[in-house]
Amino acid sequence: LYDVAFLDEQRGLAVGAMGVILSTNDGGASWRRVSREPHRA
């Protein structure tokens, strides 16, 4: 993972290698993949 940013105390995004995007809606307690499959640009 290359970067992480939060919109508020609960909602955040993390981005990383091969286009991976993760999101959280519970302050980071759980993360889910937003992008479907990792892929190279």
PDB file of all heavy atoms in Angstrom:
ATOM      1  N   LEU A   1       0.859  -1.186   0.000  1.00  0.00           N
ATOM      2  CA  LEU A   1       0.000   0.000   0.000  1.00  0.00           C
ATOM      3  C   LEU A   1       0.890   1.230   0.000  1.00  0.00           C
ATOM      4  O   LEU A   1       1.902   1.270   0.699  1.00  0.00           O
ATOM      5  CB  LEU A   1      -0.919  -0.004   1.219  1.00  0.00           C
ATOM      6  CG  LEU A   1      -1.942  -1.137   1.253  1.00  0.00           C
ATOM      7  CD1 LEU A   1      -2.693  -1.150   2.578  1.00  0.00           C
ATOM      8  CD2 LEU A   1      -2.907  -1.033   0.084  1.00  0.00           C
ATOM      9  N   TYR A   2       0.518   2.238  -0.784  1.00  0.00           N
ATOM     10  CA  TYR A   2       1.343   3.428  -0.949  1.00  0.00           C
ATOM     11  C   TYR A   2       0.832   4.655  -0.207  1.00  0.00           C
ATOM     12  O   TYR A   2       1.596   5.539   0.134  1.00  0.00           O
ATOM     13  CB  TYR A   2       1.479   3.778  -2.427  1.00  0.00           C
ATOM     14  CG  TYR A   2       2.081   2.687  -3.271  1.00  0.00           C
ATOM     15  CD1 TYR A   2       1.583   2.415  -4.538  1.00  0.00           C
ATOM     16  CD2 TYR A   2       3.141   1.915  -2.804  1.00  0.00           C
ATOM     17  CE1 TYR A   2       2.130   1.423  -5.321  1.00  0.00           C
ATOM     18  CE2 TYR A   2       3.693   0.912  -3.581  1.00  0.00           C
ATOM     19  CZ  TYR A   2       3.191   0.677  -4.841  1.00  0.00           C
ATOM     20  OH  TYR A   2       3.717  -0.312  -5.621  1.00  0.00           O
ATOM     21  N   ASP A   3      -0.465   4.724   0.010  1.00  0.00           N
ATOM     22  CA  ASP A   3      -1.017   5.924   0.648  1.00  0.00           C
ATOM     23  C   ASP A   3      -2.342   5.575   1.309  1.00  0.00           C
ATOM     24  O   ASP A   3      -3.022   4.644   0.905  1.00  0.00           O
ATOM     25  CB  ASP A   3      -1.228   7.021  -0.390  1.00  0.00           C
ATOM     26  CG  ASP A   3      -1.305   8.416   0.223  1.00  0.00           C
ATOM     27  OD1 ASP A   3      -1.195   8.539   1.465  1.00  0.00           O
ATOM     28  OD2 ASP A   3      -1.477   9.376  -0.528  1.00  0.00           O
ATOM     29  N   VAL A   4      -2.680   6.350   2.327  1.00  0.00           N
ATOM     30  CA  VAL A   4      -3.950   6.201   3.017  1.00  0.00           C
ATOM     31  C   VAL A   4      -4.444   7.593   3.379  1.00  0.00           C
ATOM     32  O   VAL A   4      -3.647   8.473   3.711  1.00  0.00           O
ATOM     33  CB  VAL A   4      -3.809   5.302   4.274  1.00  0.00           C
ATOM     34  CG1 VAL A   4      -2.856   5.878   5.281  1.00  0.00           C
ATOM     35  CG2 VAL A   4      -5.159   5.018   4.906  1.00  0.00           C
ATOM     36  N   ALA A   5      -5.738   7.808   3.252  1.00  0.00           N
ATOM     37  CA  ALA A   5      -6.328   9.108   3.588  1.00  0.00           C
ATOM     38  C   ALA A   5      -7.728   8.879   4.140  1.00  0.00           C
ATOM     39  O   ALA A   5      -8.435   7.962   3.712  1.00  0.00           O
ATOM     40  CB  ALA A   5      -6.396  10.003   2.358  1.00  0.00           C
ATOM     41  N   PHE A   6      -8.112   9.725   5.087  1.00  0.00           N
ATOM     42  CA  PHE A   6      -9.435   9.630   5.695  1.00  0.00           C
ATOM     43  C   PHE A   6     -10.215  10.904   5.419  1.00  0.00           C
ATOM     44  O   PHE A   6      -9.676  12.013   5.526  1.00  0.00           O
ATOM     45  CB  PHE A   6      -9.310   9.377   7.198  1.00  0.00           C
ATOM     46  CG  PHE A   6      -9.174   7.920   7.530  1.00  0.00           C
ATOM     47  CD1 PHE A   6      -7.987   7.260   7.306  1.00  0.00           C
ATOM     48  CD2 PHE A   6     -10.250   7.203   8.027  1.00  0.00           C
ATOM     49  CE1 PHE A   6      -7.857   5.911   7.583  1.00  0.00           C
ATOM     50  CE2 PHE A   6     -10.144   5.848   8.299  1.00  0.00           C
ATOM     51  CZ  PHE A   6      -8.942   5.205   8.077  1.00  0.00           C
ATOM     52  N   LEU A   7     -11.489  10.721   5.077  1.00  0.00           N
ATOM     53  CA  LEU A   7     -12.392  11.847   4.856  1.00  0.00           C
ATOM     54  C   LEU A   7     -12.909  12.390   6.181  1.00  0.00           C
ATOM     55  O   LEU A   7     -13.178  13.576   6.315  1.00  0.00           O
ATOM     56  CB  LEU A   7     -13.568  11.408   3.986  1.00  0.00           C
ATOM     57  CG  LEU A   7     -13.188  10.820   2.626  1.00  0.00           C
ATOM     58  CD1 LEU A   7     -14.394  10.193   1.963  1.00  0.00           C
ATOM     59  CD2 LEU A   7     -12.576  11.897   1.757  1.00  0.00           C
ATOM     60  N   ASP A   8     -13.077  11.501   7.144  1.00  0.00           N
ATOM     61  CA  ASP A   8     -13.494  11.848   8.493  1.00  0.00           C
ATOM     62  C   ASP A   8     -13.014  10.724   9.403  1.00  0.00           C
ATOM     63  O   ASP A   8     -12.200   9.903   8.979  1.00  0.00           O
ATOM     64  CB  ASP A   8     -15.017  12.070   8.577  1.00  0.00           C
ATOM     65  CG  ASP A   8     -15.840  10.895   8.064  1.00  0.00           C
ATOM     66  OD1 ASP A   8     -15.430   9.722   8.271  1.00  0.00           O
ATOM     67  OD2 ASP A   8     -16.899  11.134   7.467  1.00  0.00           O
ATOM     68  N   GLU A   9     -13.489  10.626  10.617  1.00  0.00           N
ATOM     69  CA  GLU A   9     -12.991   9.616  11.552  1.00  0.00           C
ATOM     70  C   GLU A   9     -13.355   8.186  11.149  1.00  0.00           C
ATOM     71  O   GLU A   9     -12.713   7.239  11.595  1.00  0.00           O
ATOM     72  CB  GLU A   9     -13.496   9.895  12.965  1.00  0.00           C
ATOM     73  CG  GLU A   9     -12.819  11.084  13.592  1.00  0.00           C
ATOM     74  CD  GLU A   9     -13.167  11.232  15.063  1.00  0.00           C
ATOM     75  OE1 GLU A   9     -13.655  10.259  15.671  1.00  0.00           O
ATOM     76  OE2 GLU A   9     -12.936  12.321  15.587  1.00  0.00           O
ATOM     77  N   GLN A  10     -14.359   8.013  10.308  1.00  0.00           N
ATOM     78  CA  GLN A  10     -14.825   6.679   9.937  1.00  0.00           C
ATOM     79  C   GLN A  10     -14.472   6.253   8.518  1.00  0.00           C
ATOM     80  O   GLN A  10     -14.151   5.098   8.279  1.00  0.00           O
ATOM     81  CB  GLN A  10     -16.349   6.591  10.114  1.00  0.00           C
ATOM     82  CG  GLN A  10     -16.809   6.796  11.546  1.00  0.00           C
ATOM     83  CD  GLN A  10     -16.261   5.723  12.464  1.00  0.00           C
ATOM     84  OE1 GLN A  10     -16.351   4.543  12.178  1.00  0.00           O
ATOM     85  NE2 GLN A  10     -15.675   6.135  13.579  1.00  0.00           N
ATOM     86  N   ARG A  11     -14.525   7.164   7.568  1.00  0.00           N
ATOM     87  CA  ARG A  11     -14.388   6.821   6.153  1.00  0.00           C
ATOM     88  C   ARG A  11     -12.994   7.103   5.629  1.00  0.00           C
ATOM     89  O   ARG A  11     -12.514   8.233   5.707  1.00  0.00           O
ATOM     90  CB  ARG A  11     -15.406   7.584   5.315  1.00  0.00           C
ATOM     91  CG  ARG A  11     -16.835   7.262   5.706  1.00  0.00           C
ATOM     92  CD  ARG A  11     -17.824   8.073   4.922  1.00  0.00           C
ATOM     93  NE  ARG A  11     -17.611   9.503   5.201  1.00  0.00           N
ATOM     94  CZ  ARG A  11     -17.893  10.475   4.347  1.00  0.00           C
ATOM     95  NH1 ARG A  11     -18.375  10.205   3.161  1.00  0.00           N
ATOM     96  NH2 ARG A  11     -17.687  11.731   4.685  1.00  0.00           N
ATOM     97  N   GLY A  12     -12.351   6.044   5.074  1.00  0.00           N
ATOM     98  CA  GLY A  12     -11.009   6.205   4.543  1.00  0.00           C
ATOM     99  C   GLY A  12     -10.753   5.326   3.337  1.00  0.00           C
ATOM    100  O   GLY A  12     -11.501   4.382   3.059  1.00  0.00           O
ATOM    101  N   LEU A  13      -9.674   5.642   2.616  1.00  0.00           N
ATOM    102  CA  LEU A  13      -9.239   4.891   1.444  1.00  0.00           C
ATOM    103  C   LEU A  13      -7.748   4.625   1.550  1.00  0.00           C
ATOM    104  O   LEU A  13      -6.993   5.465   2.049  1.00  0.00           O
ATOM    105  CB  LEU A  13      -9.493   5.673   0.161  1.00  0.00           C
ATOM    106  CG  LEU A  13     -10.942   5.930  -0.211  1.00  0.00           C
ATOM    107  CD1 LEU A  13     -11.018   6.936  -1.344  1.00  0.00           C
ATOM    108  CD2 LEU A  13     -11.616   4.631  -0.617  1.00  0.00           C
ATOM    109  N   ALA A  14      -7.321   3.472   1.059  1.00  0.00           N
ATOM    110  CA  ALA A  14      -5.905   3.150   0.929  1.00  0.00           C
ATOM    111  C   ALA A  14      -5.682   2.687  -0.505  1.00  0.00           C
ATOM    112  O   ALA A  14      -6.520   1.972  -1.058  1.00  0.00           O
ATOM    113  CB  ALA A  14      -5.502   2.058   1.916  1.00  0.00           C
ATOM    114  N   VAL A  15      -4.581   3.106  -1.108  1.00  0.00           N
ATOM    115  CA  VAL A  15      -4.270   2.729  -2.489  1.00  0.00           C
ATOM    116  C   VAL A  15      -2.899   2.089  -2.530  1.00  0.00           C
ATOM    117  O   VAL A  15      -2.023   2.395  -1.716  1.00  0.00           O
ATOM    118  CB  VAL A  15      -4.335   3.940  -3.443  1.00  0.00           C
ATOM    119  CG1 VAL A  15      -5.743   4.493  -3.503  1.00  0.00           C
ATOM    120  CG2 VAL A  15      -3.363   5.020  -3.023  1.00  0.00           C
ATOM    121  N   GLY A  16      -2.714   1.180  -3.516  1.00  0.00           N
ATOM    122  CA  GLY A  16      -1.446   0.487  -3.562  1.00  0.00           C
ATOM    123  C   GLY A  16      -1.103  -0.086  -4.915  1.00  0.00           C
ATOM    124  O   GLY A  16      -1.652   0.308  -5.946  1.00  0.00           O
ATOM    125  N   ALA A  17      -0.188  -1.061  -4.878  1.00  0.00           N
ATOM    126  CA  ALA A  17       0.365  -1.677  -6.073  1.00  0.00           C
ATOM    127  C   ALA A  17      -0.722  -2.318  -6.921  1.00  0.00           C
ATOM    128  O   ALA A  17      -1.738  -2.794  -6.410  1.00  0.00           O
ATOM    129  CB  ALA A  17       1.400  -2.728  -5.673  1.00  0.00           C
ATOM    130  N   MET A  18      -0.483  -2.310  -8.227  1.00  0.00           N
ATOM    131  CA  MET A  18      -1.356  -2.947  -9.213  1.00  0.00           C
ATOM    132  C   MET A  18      -2.784  -2.422  -9.150  1.00  0.00           C
ATOM    133  O   MET A  18      -3.744  -3.151  -9.422  1.00  0.00           O
ATOM    134  CB  MET A  18      -1.298  -4.470  -9.072  1.00  0.00           C
ATOM    135  CG  MET A  18       0.099  -5.020  -9.342  1.00  0.00           C
ATOM    136  SD  MET A  18       0.217  -6.790  -9.231  1.00  0.00           S
ATOM    137  CE  MET A  18      -0.729  -7.273 -10.662  1.00  0.00           C
ATOM    138  N   GLY A  19      -2.952  -1.178  -8.746  1.00  0.00           N
ATOM    139  CA  GLY A  19      -4.259  -0.544  -8.755  1.00  0.00           C
ATOM    140  C   GLY A  19      -5.189  -0.912  -7.619  1.00  0.00           C
ATOM    141  O   GLY A  19      -6.373  -0.627  -7.679  1.00  0.00           O
ATOM    142  N   VAL A  20      -4.663  -1.542  -6.575  1.00  0.00           N
ATOM    143  CA  VAL A  20      -5.529  -1.937  -5.464  1.00  0.00           C
ATOM    144  C   VAL A  20      -6.065  -0.688  -4.753  1.00  0.00           C
ATOM    145  O   VAL A  20      -5.336   0.271  -4.529  1.00  0.00           O
ATOM    146  CB  VAL A  20      -4.813  -2.880  -4.475  1.00  0.00           C
ATOM    147  CG1 VAL A  20      -3.730  -2.183  -3.703  1.00  0.00           C
ATOM    148  CG2 VAL A  20      -5.807  -3.506  -3.522  1.00  0.00           C
ATOM    149  N   ILE A  21      -7.342  -0.696  -4.461  1.00  0.00           N
ATOM    150  CA  ILE A  21      -7.993   0.373  -3.701  1.00  0.00           C
ATOM    151  C   ILE A  21      -8.811  -0.294  -2.607  1.00  0.00           C
ATOM    152  O   ILE A  21      -9.626  -1.176  -2.880  1.00  0.00           O
ATOM    153  CB  ILE A  21      -8.920   1.241  -4.582  1.00  0.00           C
ATOM    154  CG1 ILE A  21      -8.136   1.851  -5.737  1.00  0.00           C
ATOM    155  CG2 ILE A  21      -9.597   2.324  -3.731  1.00  0.00           C
ATOM    156  CD1 ILE A  21      -9.020   2.538  -6.770  1.00  0.00           C
ATOM    157  N   LEU A  22      -8.567   0.111  -1.368  1.00  0.00           N
ATOM    158  CA  LEU A  22      -9.308  -0.412  -0.224  1.00  0.00           C
ATOM    159  C   LEU A  22     -10.097   0.715   0.414  1.00  0.00           C
ATOM    160  O   LEU A  22      -9.651   1.867   0.411  1.00  0.00           O
ATOM    161  CB  LEU A  22      -8.348  -0.997   0.815  1.00  0.00           C
ATOM    162  CG  LEU A  22      -7.382  -2.070   0.342  1.00  0.00           C
ATOM    163  CD1 LEU A  22      -6.437  -2.454   1.480  1.00  0.00           C
ATOM    164  CD2 LEU A  22      -8.127  -3.279  -0.165  1.00  0.00           C
ATOM    165  N   SER A  23     -11.239   0.395   0.989  1.00  0.00           N
ATOM    166  CA  SER A  23     -12.018   1.415   1.696  1.00  0.00           C
ATOM    167  C   SER A  23     -12.444   0.888   3.056  1.00  0.00           C
ATOM    168  O   SER A  23     -12.541  -0.322   3.272  1.00  0.00           O
ATOM    169  CB  SER A  23     -13.244   1.830   0.883  1.00  0.00           C
ATOM    170  OG  SER A  23     -14.208   0.808   0.874  1.00  0.00           O
ATOM    171  N   THR A  24     -12.686   1.820   3.957  1.00  0.00           N
ATOM    172  CA  THR A  24     -13.217   1.498   5.278  1.00  0.00           C
ATOM    173  C   THR A  24     -14.304   2.496   5.617  1.00  0.00           C
ATOM    174  O   THR A  24     -14.226   3.671   5.241  1.00  0.00           O
ATOM    175  CB  THR A  24     -12.113   1.507   6.359  1.00  0.00           C
ATOM    176  OG1 THR A  24     -12.688   1.135   7.612  1.00  0.00           O
ATOM    177  CG2 THR A  24     -11.441   2.863   6.496  1.00  0.00           C
ATOM    178  N   ASN A  25     -15.318   2.033   6.307  1.00  0.00           N
ATOM    179  CA  ASN A  25     -16.395   2.898   6.785  1.00  0.00           C
ATOM    180  C   ASN A  25     -16.531   2.824   8.300  1.00  0.00           C
ATOM    181  O   ASN A  25     -17.491   3.338   8.865  1.00  0.00           O
ATOM    182  CB  ASN A  25     -17.732   2.504   6.140  1.00  0.00           C
ATOM    183  CG  ASN A  25     -17.769   2.863   4.678  1.00  0.00           C
ATOM    184  OD1 ASN A  25     -17.332   3.936   4.287  1.00  0.00           O
ATOM    185  ND2 ASN A  25     -18.274   1.963   3.860  1.00  0.00           N
ATOM    186  N   ASP A  26     -15.563   2.151   8.940  1.00  0.00           N
ATOM    187  CA  ASP A  26     -15.629   1.969  10.393  1.00  0.00           C
ATOM    188  C   ASP A  26     -14.309   2.334  11.080  1.00  0.00           C
ATOM    189  O   ASP A  26     -13.881   1.682  12.015  1.00  0.00           O
ATOM    190  CB  ASP A  26     -16.051   0.548  10.737  1.00  0.00           C
ATOM    191  CG  ASP A  26     -15.128  -0.507  10.131  1.00  0.00           C
ATOM    192  OD1 ASP A  26     -14.044  -0.157   9.615  1.00  0.00           O
ATOM    193  OD2 ASP A  26     -15.499  -1.692  10.176  1.00  0.00           O
ATOM    194  N   GLY A  27     -13.664   3.382  10.582  1.00  0.00           N
ATOM    195  CA  GLY A  27     -12.440   3.863  11.209  1.00  0.00           C
ATOM    196  C   GLY A  27     -11.254   2.930  11.063  1.00  0.00           C
ATOM    197  O   GLY A  27     -10.315   2.986  11.847  1.00  0.00           O
ATOM    198  N   GLY A  28     -11.261   2.062  10.044  1.00  0.00           N
ATOM    199  CA  GLY A  28     -10.150   1.169   9.794  1.00  0.00           C
ATOM    200  C   GLY A  28     -10.263  -0.191  10.437  1.00  0.00           C
ATOM    201  O   GLY A  28      -9.399  -1.038  10.253  1.00  0.00           O
ATOM    202  N   ALA A  29     -11.323  -0.446  11.187  1.00  0.00           N
ATOM    203  CA  ALA A  29     -11.496  -1.750  11.820  1.00  0.00           C
ATOM    204  C   ALA A  29     -11.619  -2.854  10.773  1.00  0.00           C
ATOM    205  O   ALA A  29     -11.136  -3.963  10.972  1.00  0.00           O
ATOM    206  CB  ALA A  29     -12.715  -1.745  12.730  1.00  0.00           C
ATOM    207  N   SER A  30     -12.241  -2.544   9.641  1.00  0.00           N
ATOM    208  CA  SER A  30     -12.318  -3.500   8.544  1.00  0.00           C
ATOM    209  C   SER A  30     -12.091  -2.751   7.234  1.00  0.00           C
ATOM    210  O   SER A  30     -12.427  -1.574   7.110  1.00  0.00           O
ATOM    211  CB  SER A  30     -13.674  -4.214   8.529  1.00  0.00           C
ATOM    212  OG  SER A  30     -14.717  -3.284   8.295  1.00  0.00           O
ATOM    213  N   TRP A  31     -11.490  -3.458   6.286  1.00  0.00           N
ATOM    214  CA  TRP A  31     -11.178  -2.898   4.968  1.00  0.00           C
ATOM    215  C   TRP A  31     -11.774  -3.808   3.913  1.00  0.00           C
ATOM    216  O   TRP A  31     -11.780  -5.014   4.058  1.00  0.00           O
ATOM    217  CB  TRP A  31      -9.668  -2.809   4.770  1.00  0.00           C
ATOM    218  CG  TRP A  31      -9.021  -1.824   5.683  1.00  0.00           C
ATOM    219  CD1 TRP A  31      -8.580  -2.053   6.953  1.00  0.00           C
ATOM    220  CD2 TRP A  31      -8.773  -0.456   5.421  1.00  0.00           C
ATOM    221  NE1 TRP A  31      -8.063  -0.912   7.498  1.00  0.00           N
ATOM    222  CE2 TRP A  31      -8.160   0.092   6.579  1.00  0.00           C
ATOM    223  CE3 TRP A  31      -8.988   0.384   4.335  1.00  0.00           C
ATOM    224  CZ2 TRP A  31      -7.777   1.425   6.655  1.00  0.00           C
ATOM    225  CZ3 TRP A  31      -8.598   1.704   4.409  1.00  0.00           C
ATOM    226  CH2 TRP A  31      -8.001   2.216   5.558  1.00  0.00           C
ATOM    227  N   ARG A  32     -12.257  -3.225   2.821  1.00  0.00           N
ATOM    228  CA  ARG A  32     -12.757  -4.020   1.705  1.00  0.00           C
ATOM    229  C   ARG A  32     -12.163  -3.480   0.408  1.00  0.00           C
ATOM    230  O   ARG A  32     -11.892  -2.287   0.282  1.00  0.00           O
ATOM    231  CB  ARG A  32     -14.276  -4.037   1.634  1.00  0.00           C
ATOM    232  CG  ARG A  32     -14.896  -2.722   1.258  1.00  0.00           C
ATOM    233  CD  ARG A  32     -16.409  -2.860   1.088  1.00  0.00           C
ATOM    234  NE  ARG A  32     -16.969  -1.591   0.678  1.00  0.00           N
ATOM    235  CZ  ARG A  32     -17.045  -1.168  -0.582  1.00  0.00           C
ATOM    236  NH1 ARG A  32     -16.591  -1.909  -1.560  1.00  0.00           N
ATOM    237  NH2 ARG A  32     -17.570   0.006  -0.872  1.00  0.00           N
ATOM    238  N   ARG A  33     -11.936  -4.402  -0.526  1.00  0.00           N
ATOM    239  CA  ARG A  33     -11.359  -4.024  -1.817  1.00  0.00           C
ATOM    240  C   ARG A  33     -12.424  -3.332  -2.659  1.00  0.00           C
ATOM    241  O   ARG A  33     -13.525  -3.867  -2.818  1.00  0.00           O
ATOM    242  CB  ARG A  33     -10.837  -5.258  -2.539  1.00  0.00           C
ATOM    243  CG  ARG A  33     -10.085  -4.914  -3.816  1.00  0.00           C
ATOM    244  CD  ARG A  33      -9.664  -6.161  -4.540  1.00  0.00           C
ATOM    245  NE  ARG A  33      -8.771  -6.955  -3.761  1.00  0.00           N
ATOM    246  CZ  ARG A  33      -7.459  -7.000  -3.964  1.00  0.00           C
ATOM    247  NH1 ARG A  33      -6.917  -6.296  -4.923  1.00  0.00           N
ATOM    248  NH2 ARG A  33      -6.696  -7.757  -3.195  1.00  0.00           N
ATOM    249  N   VAL A  34     -12.093  -2.158  -3.167  1.00  0.00           N
ATOM    250  CA  VAL A  34     -12.995  -1.424  -4.053  1.00  0.00           C
ATOM    251  C   VAL A  34     -12.754  -1.853  -5.487  1.00  0.00           C
ATOM    252  O   VAL A  34     -13.687  -2.089  -6.246  1.00  0.00           O
ATOM    253  CB  VAL A  34     -12.810   0.101  -3.906  1.00  0.00           C
ATOM    254  CG1 VAL A  34     -13.643   0.860  -4.904  1.00  0.00           C
ATOM    255  CG2 VAL A  34     -13.127   0.534  -2.486  1.00  0.00           C
ATOM    256  N   SER A  35     -11.487  -1.963  -5.883  1.00  0.00           N
ATOM    257  CA  SER A  35     -11.158  -2.420  -7.211  1.00  0.00           C
ATOM    258  C   SER A  35     -11.393  -3.929  -7.301  1.00  0.00           C
ATOM    259  O   SER A  35     -11.222  -4.642  -6.319  1.00  0.00           O
ATOM    260  CB  SER A  35      -9.710  -2.077  -7.564  1.00  0.00           C
ATOM    261  OG  SER A  35      -8.832  -2.582  -6.589  1.00  0.00           O
ATOM    262  N   ARG A  36     -11.777  -4.420  -8.451  1.00  0.00           N
ATOM    263  CA  ARG A  36     -12.140  -5.830  -8.575  1.00  0.00           C
ATOM    264  C   ARG A  36     -10.943  -6.757  -8.486  1.00  0.00           C
ATOM    265  O   ARG A  36     -10.863  -7.576  -7.617  1.00  0.00           O
ATOM    266  CB  ARG A  36     -12.873  -6.049  -9.898  1.00  0.00           C
ATOM    267  CG  ARG A  36     -14.191  -5.328  -9.896  1.00  0.00           C
ATOM    268  CD  ARG A  36     -14.911  -5.571 -11.160  1.00  0.00           C
ATOM    269  NE  ARG A  36     -16.067  -4.693 -11.164  1.00  0.00           N
ATOM    270  CZ  ARG A  36     -17.040  -4.781 -11.995  1.00  0.00           C
ATOM    271  NH1 ARG A  36     -17.014  -5.704 -12.909  1.00  0.00           N
ATOM    272  NH2 ARG A  36     -18.042  -3.951 -11.929  1.00  0.00           N
ATOM    273  N   GLU A  37     -10.030  -6.673  -9.400  1.00  0.00           N
ATOM    274  CA  GLU A  37      -8.846  -7.525  -9.415  1.00  0.00           C
ATOM    275  C   GLU A  37      -7.623  -6.644  -9.594  1.00  0.00           C
ATOM    276  O   GLU A  37      -7.681  -5.655 -10.323  1.00  0.00           O
ATOM    277  CB  GLU A  37      -8.913  -8.521 -10.574  1.00  0.00           C
ATOM    278  CG  GLU A  37     -10.018  -9.550 -10.442  1.00  0.00           C
ATOM    279  CD  GLU A  37      -9.810 -10.476  -9.263  1.00  0.00           C
ATOM    280  OE1 GLU A  37      -8.658 -10.797  -8.949  1.00  0.00           O
ATOM    281  OE2 GLU A  37     -10.823 -10.865  -8.645  1.00  0.00           O
ATOM    282  N   PRO A  38      -6.505  -6.997  -8.966  1.00  0.00           N
ATOM    283  CA  PRO A  38      -5.281  -6.232  -9.198  1.00  0.00           C
ATOM    284  C   PRO A  38      -4.899  -6.282 -10.683  1.00  0.00           C
ATOM    285  O   PRO A  38      -5.079  -7.322 -11.328  1.00  0.00           O
ATOM    286  CB  PRO A  38      -4.233  -6.964  -8.357  1.00  0.00           C
ATOM    287  CG  PRO A  38      -5.010  -7.734  -7.364  1.00  0.00           C
ATOM    288  CD  PRO A  38      -6.320  -8.066  -8.010  1.00  0.00           C
ATOM    289  N   HIS A  39      -4.434  -5.182 -11.210  1.00  0.00           N
ATOM    290  CA  HIS A  39      -4.004  -5.123 -12.605  1.00  0.00           C
ATOM    291  C   HIS A  39      -2.924  -4.071 -12.764  1.00  0.00           C
ATOM    292  O   HIS A  39      -2.843  -3.137 -11.988  1.00  0.00           O
ATOM    293  CB  HIS A  39      -5.182  -4.840 -13.530  1.00  0.00           C
ATOM    294  CG  HIS A  39      -5.861  -3.541 -13.214  1.00  0.00           C
ATOM    295  ND1 HIS A  39      -6.788  -3.432 -12.210  1.00  0.00           N
ATOM    296  CD2 HIS A  39      -5.726  -2.303 -13.725  1.00  0.00           C
ATOM    297  CE1 HIS A  39      -7.208  -2.171 -12.138  1.00  0.00           C
ATOM    298  NE2 HIS A  39      -6.583  -1.473 -13.050  1.00  0.00           N
ATOM    299  N   ARG A  40      -2.118  -4.261 -13.762  1.00  0.00           N
ATOM    300  CA  ARG A  40      -1.059  -3.305 -14.056  1.00  0.00           C
ATOM    301  C   ARG A  40      -1.588  -2.268 -15.040  1.00  0.00           C
ATOM    302  O   ARG A  40      -2.269  -2.604 -15.998  1.00  0.00           O
ATOM    303  CB  ARG A  40       0.150  -4.001 -14.671  1.00  0.00           C
ATOM    304  CG  ARG A  40       0.848  -4.915 -13.711  1.00  0.00           C
ATOM    305  CD  ARG A  40       2.134  -5.404 -14.361  1.00  0.00           C
ATOM    306  NE  ARG A  40       2.730  -6.420 -13.548  1.00  0.00           N
ATOM    307  CZ  ARG A  40       3.553  -6.185 -12.549  1.00  0.00           C
ATOM    308  NH1 ARG A  40       3.865  -4.955 -12.236  1.00  0.00           N
ATOM    309  NH2 ARG A  40       4.064  -7.177 -11.842  1.00  0.00           N
ATOM    310  N   ALA A  41      -1.237  -1.016 -14.788  1.00  0.00           N
ATOM    311  CA  ALA A  41      -1.556   0.032 -15.760  1.00  0.00           C
ATOM    312  C   ALA A  41      -0.452   0.025 -16.817  1.00  0.00           C
ATOM    313  O   ALA A  41       0.720   0.069 -16.491  1.00  0.00           O
ATOM    314  CB  ALA A  41      -1.640   1.389 -15.057  1.00  0.00           C
TER     315      ALA A  41
END
